[in-house]
Every structure is written in C-alpha cells, then in structure tokens.
C-alpha cells in the first residue's frame, strides 16, 4: 500500500465511530479518538488531526463521510 492509501485508510479508520454529517472543525477534531493529537503515519509522512484541521476552511464543511474527510485532507496536504 502506498503512503497516500495508508494515510487515507488510517483517517477513515480513526473516524469509524464518528456521526456524520460533521458540520464544524471543532466537531471534526472531537470525532477523532485522540482529538487533535490523533496521528496518522506511513513511511516518512506523519500528520496529526490538529495539523490536518489547520488545512481546512469553512468551505470544506459539512463532511458527509470519513472518506470525504480523508480525500480533502490528503489533497490539501499535498499527499
């Protein structure tokens, strides 16, 4: 599995118990198991939910699925 696919899988997995839609950045952070400290790592790429949250804007919300969250984060992070 490549780095992008691994990070996406980890984000989706971390949000497995989240209730969608997620309307705000604060709600997204609280949906991660360790909040802003939730870390996804693959190869030499590591990103926390807090860092990912800094990439998002109000226009990115609401999120309808964990896959959508992962896709937007990966795109904005340039992964």
C-alpha atoms as a PDB file:
ATOM      1  CA  UNK A   1       0.000   0.000   0.000  1.00  0.00           C
ATOM      2  CA  UNK A   2       1.397   3.400  -0.884  1.00  0.00           C
ATOM      3  CA  UNK A   3       1.715   6.267   1.582  1.00  0.00           C
ATOM      4  CA  UNK A   4      -1.426   8.076   0.345  1.00  0.00           C
ATOM      5  CA  UNK A   5      -3.555   4.928   0.574  1.00  0.00           C
ATOM      6  CA  UNK A   6      -2.174   4.087   4.027  1.00  0.00           C
ATOM      7  CA  UNK A   7      -2.834   7.575   5.435  1.00  0.00           C
ATOM      8  CA  UNK A   8      -6.333   7.557   3.917  1.00  0.00           C
ATOM      9  CA  UNK A   9      -7.025   4.165   5.478  1.00  0.00           C
ATOM     10  CA  UNK A  10      -5.863   5.423   8.884  1.00  0.00           C
ATOM     11  CA  UNK A  11      -8.026   8.563   8.701  1.00  0.00           C
ATOM     12  CA  UNK A  12     -11.084   6.540   7.659  1.00  0.00           C
ATOM     13  CA  UNK A  13     -10.381   4.040  10.438  1.00  0.00           C
ATOM     14  CA  UNK A  14      -9.967   6.768  13.042  1.00  0.00           C
ATOM     15  CA  UNK A  15     -13.356   8.205  12.075  1.00  0.00           C
ATOM     16  CA  UNK A  16     -15.143   4.836  12.011  1.00  0.00           C
ATOM     17  CA  UNK A  17     -17.280   5.731  15.023  1.00  0.00           C
ATOM     18  CA  UNK A  18     -17.998   9.320  14.003  1.00  0.00           C
ATOM     19  CA  UNK A  19     -21.513  10.557  13.348  1.00  0.00           C
ATOM     20  CA  UNK A  20     -21.930  12.315  10.002  1.00  0.00           C
ATOM     21  CA  UNK A  21     -22.539  14.904   8.737  1.00  0.00           C
ATOM     22  CA  UNK A  22     -19.781  16.774  10.577  1.00  0.00           C
ATOM     23  CA  UNK A  23     -20.572  20.465  10.395  1.00  0.00           C
ATOM     24  CA  UNK A  24     -17.611  22.263  12.056  1.00  0.00           C
ATOM     25  CA  UNK A  25     -13.842  21.974  12.561  1.00  0.00           C
ATOM     26  CA  UNK A  26     -14.410  21.529  16.293  1.00  0.00           C
ATOM     27  CA  UNK A  27     -16.808  18.638  15.702  1.00  0.00           C
ATOM     28  CA  UNK A  28     -14.290  17.025  13.366  1.00  0.00           C
ATOM     29  CA  UNK A  29     -11.484  17.204  15.912  1.00  0.00           C
ATOM     30  CA  UNK A  30     -13.651  15.710  18.627  1.00  0.00           C
ATOM     31  CA  UNK A  31     -14.626  12.876  16.252  1.00  0.00           C
ATOM     32  CA  UNK A  32     -11.014  11.632  16.204  1.00  0.00           C
ATOM     33  CA  UNK A  33     -10.210   9.177  19.038  1.00  0.00           C
ATOM     34  CA  UNK A  34      -7.382  11.303  20.480  1.00  0.00           C
ATOM     35  CA  UNK A  35      -8.725  14.640  19.261  1.00  0.00           C
ATOM     36  CA  UNK A  36      -6.096  16.927  17.743  1.00  0.00           C
ATOM     37  CA  UNK A  37      -3.352  14.510  18.856  1.00  0.00           C
ATOM     38  CA  UNK A  38      -4.639  11.633  16.702  1.00  0.00           C
ATOM     39  CA  UNK A  39      -1.698  10.768  14.442  1.00  0.00           C
ATOM     40  CA  UNK A  40      -1.619   9.042  11.065  1.00  0.00           C
ATOM     41  CA  UNK A  41       1.768   7.813   9.893  1.00  0.00           C
ATOM     42  CA  UNK A  42       3.043   5.995   6.797  1.00  0.00           C
ATOM     43  CA  UNK A  43       6.632   5.856   5.610  1.00  0.00           C
ATOM     44  CA  UNK A  44       8.195   9.206   6.462  1.00  0.00           C
ATOM     45  CA  UNK A  45       4.850  11.056   6.360  1.00  0.00           C
ATOM     46  CA  UNK A  46       3.153  11.883   9.651  1.00  0.00           C
ATOM     47  CA  UNK A  47       0.164  14.151  10.174  1.00  0.00           C
ATOM     48  CA  UNK A  48      -1.931  14.844  13.245  1.00  0.00           C
ATOM     49  CA  UNK A  49      -5.614  15.676  13.228  1.00  0.00           C
ATOM     50  CA  UNK A  50      -4.680  19.103  14.583  1.00  0.00           C
ATOM     51  CA  UNK A  51      -2.329  19.760  11.669  1.00  0.00           C
ATOM     52  CA  UNK A  52      -4.924  18.491   9.216  1.00  0.00           C
ATOM     53  CA  UNK A  53      -7.551  20.721  10.793  1.00  0.00           C
ATOM     54  CA  UNK A  54      -5.377  23.772  10.128  1.00  0.00           C
ATOM     55  CA  UNK A  55      -5.573  22.994   6.391  1.00  0.00           C
ATOM     56  CA  UNK A  56      -9.371  23.048   6.320  1.00  0.00           C
ATOM     57  CA  UNK A  57     -11.607  26.052   5.779  1.00  0.00           C
ATOM     58  CA  UNK A  58     -15.283  26.673   6.488  1.00  0.00           C
ATOM     59  CA  UNK A  59     -15.964  25.944   2.812  1.00  0.00           C
ATOM     60  CA  UNK A  60     -14.830  22.320   3.301  1.00  0.00           C
ATOM     61  CA  UNK A  61     -17.759  21.626   5.644  1.00  0.00           C
ATOM     62  CA  UNK A  62     -20.035  19.794   6.101  1.00  0.00           C
ATOM     63  CA  UNK A  63     -18.361  16.413   5.649  1.00  0.00           C
ATOM     64  CA  UNK A  64     -20.698  13.568   4.770  1.00  0.00           C
ATOM     65  CA  UNK A  65     -18.295  10.633   5.249  1.00  0.00           C
ATOM     66  CA  UNK A  66     -14.905   9.614   6.602  1.00  0.00           C
ATOM     67  CA  UNK A  67     -13.741   9.018   3.036  1.00  0.00           C
ATOM     68  CA  UNK A  68     -14.587  12.620   2.135  1.00  0.00           C
ATOM     69  CA  UNK A  69     -12.628  13.885   5.157  1.00  0.00           C
ATOM     70  CA  UNK A  70      -9.617  11.787   4.144  1.00  0.00           C
ATOM     71  CA  UNK A  71      -9.740  12.878   0.497  1.00  0.00           C
ATOM     72  CA  UNK A  72      -9.912  16.592   1.354  1.00  0.00           C
ATOM     73  CA  UNK A  73      -7.117  16.363   3.943  1.00  0.00           C
ATOM     74  CA  UNK A  74      -4.841  14.433   1.582  1.00  0.00           C
ATOM     75  CA  UNK A  75      -5.472  16.870  -1.260  1.00  0.00           C
ATOM     76  CA  UNK A  76      -4.839  19.954   0.897  1.00  0.00           C
ATOM     77  CA  UNK A  77      -1.742  18.391   2.480  1.00  0.00           C
ATOM     78  CA  UNK A  78      -0.342  17.588  -0.946  1.00  0.00           C
ATOM     79  CA  UNK A  79      -0.065  13.878  -0.168  1.00  0.00           C
END
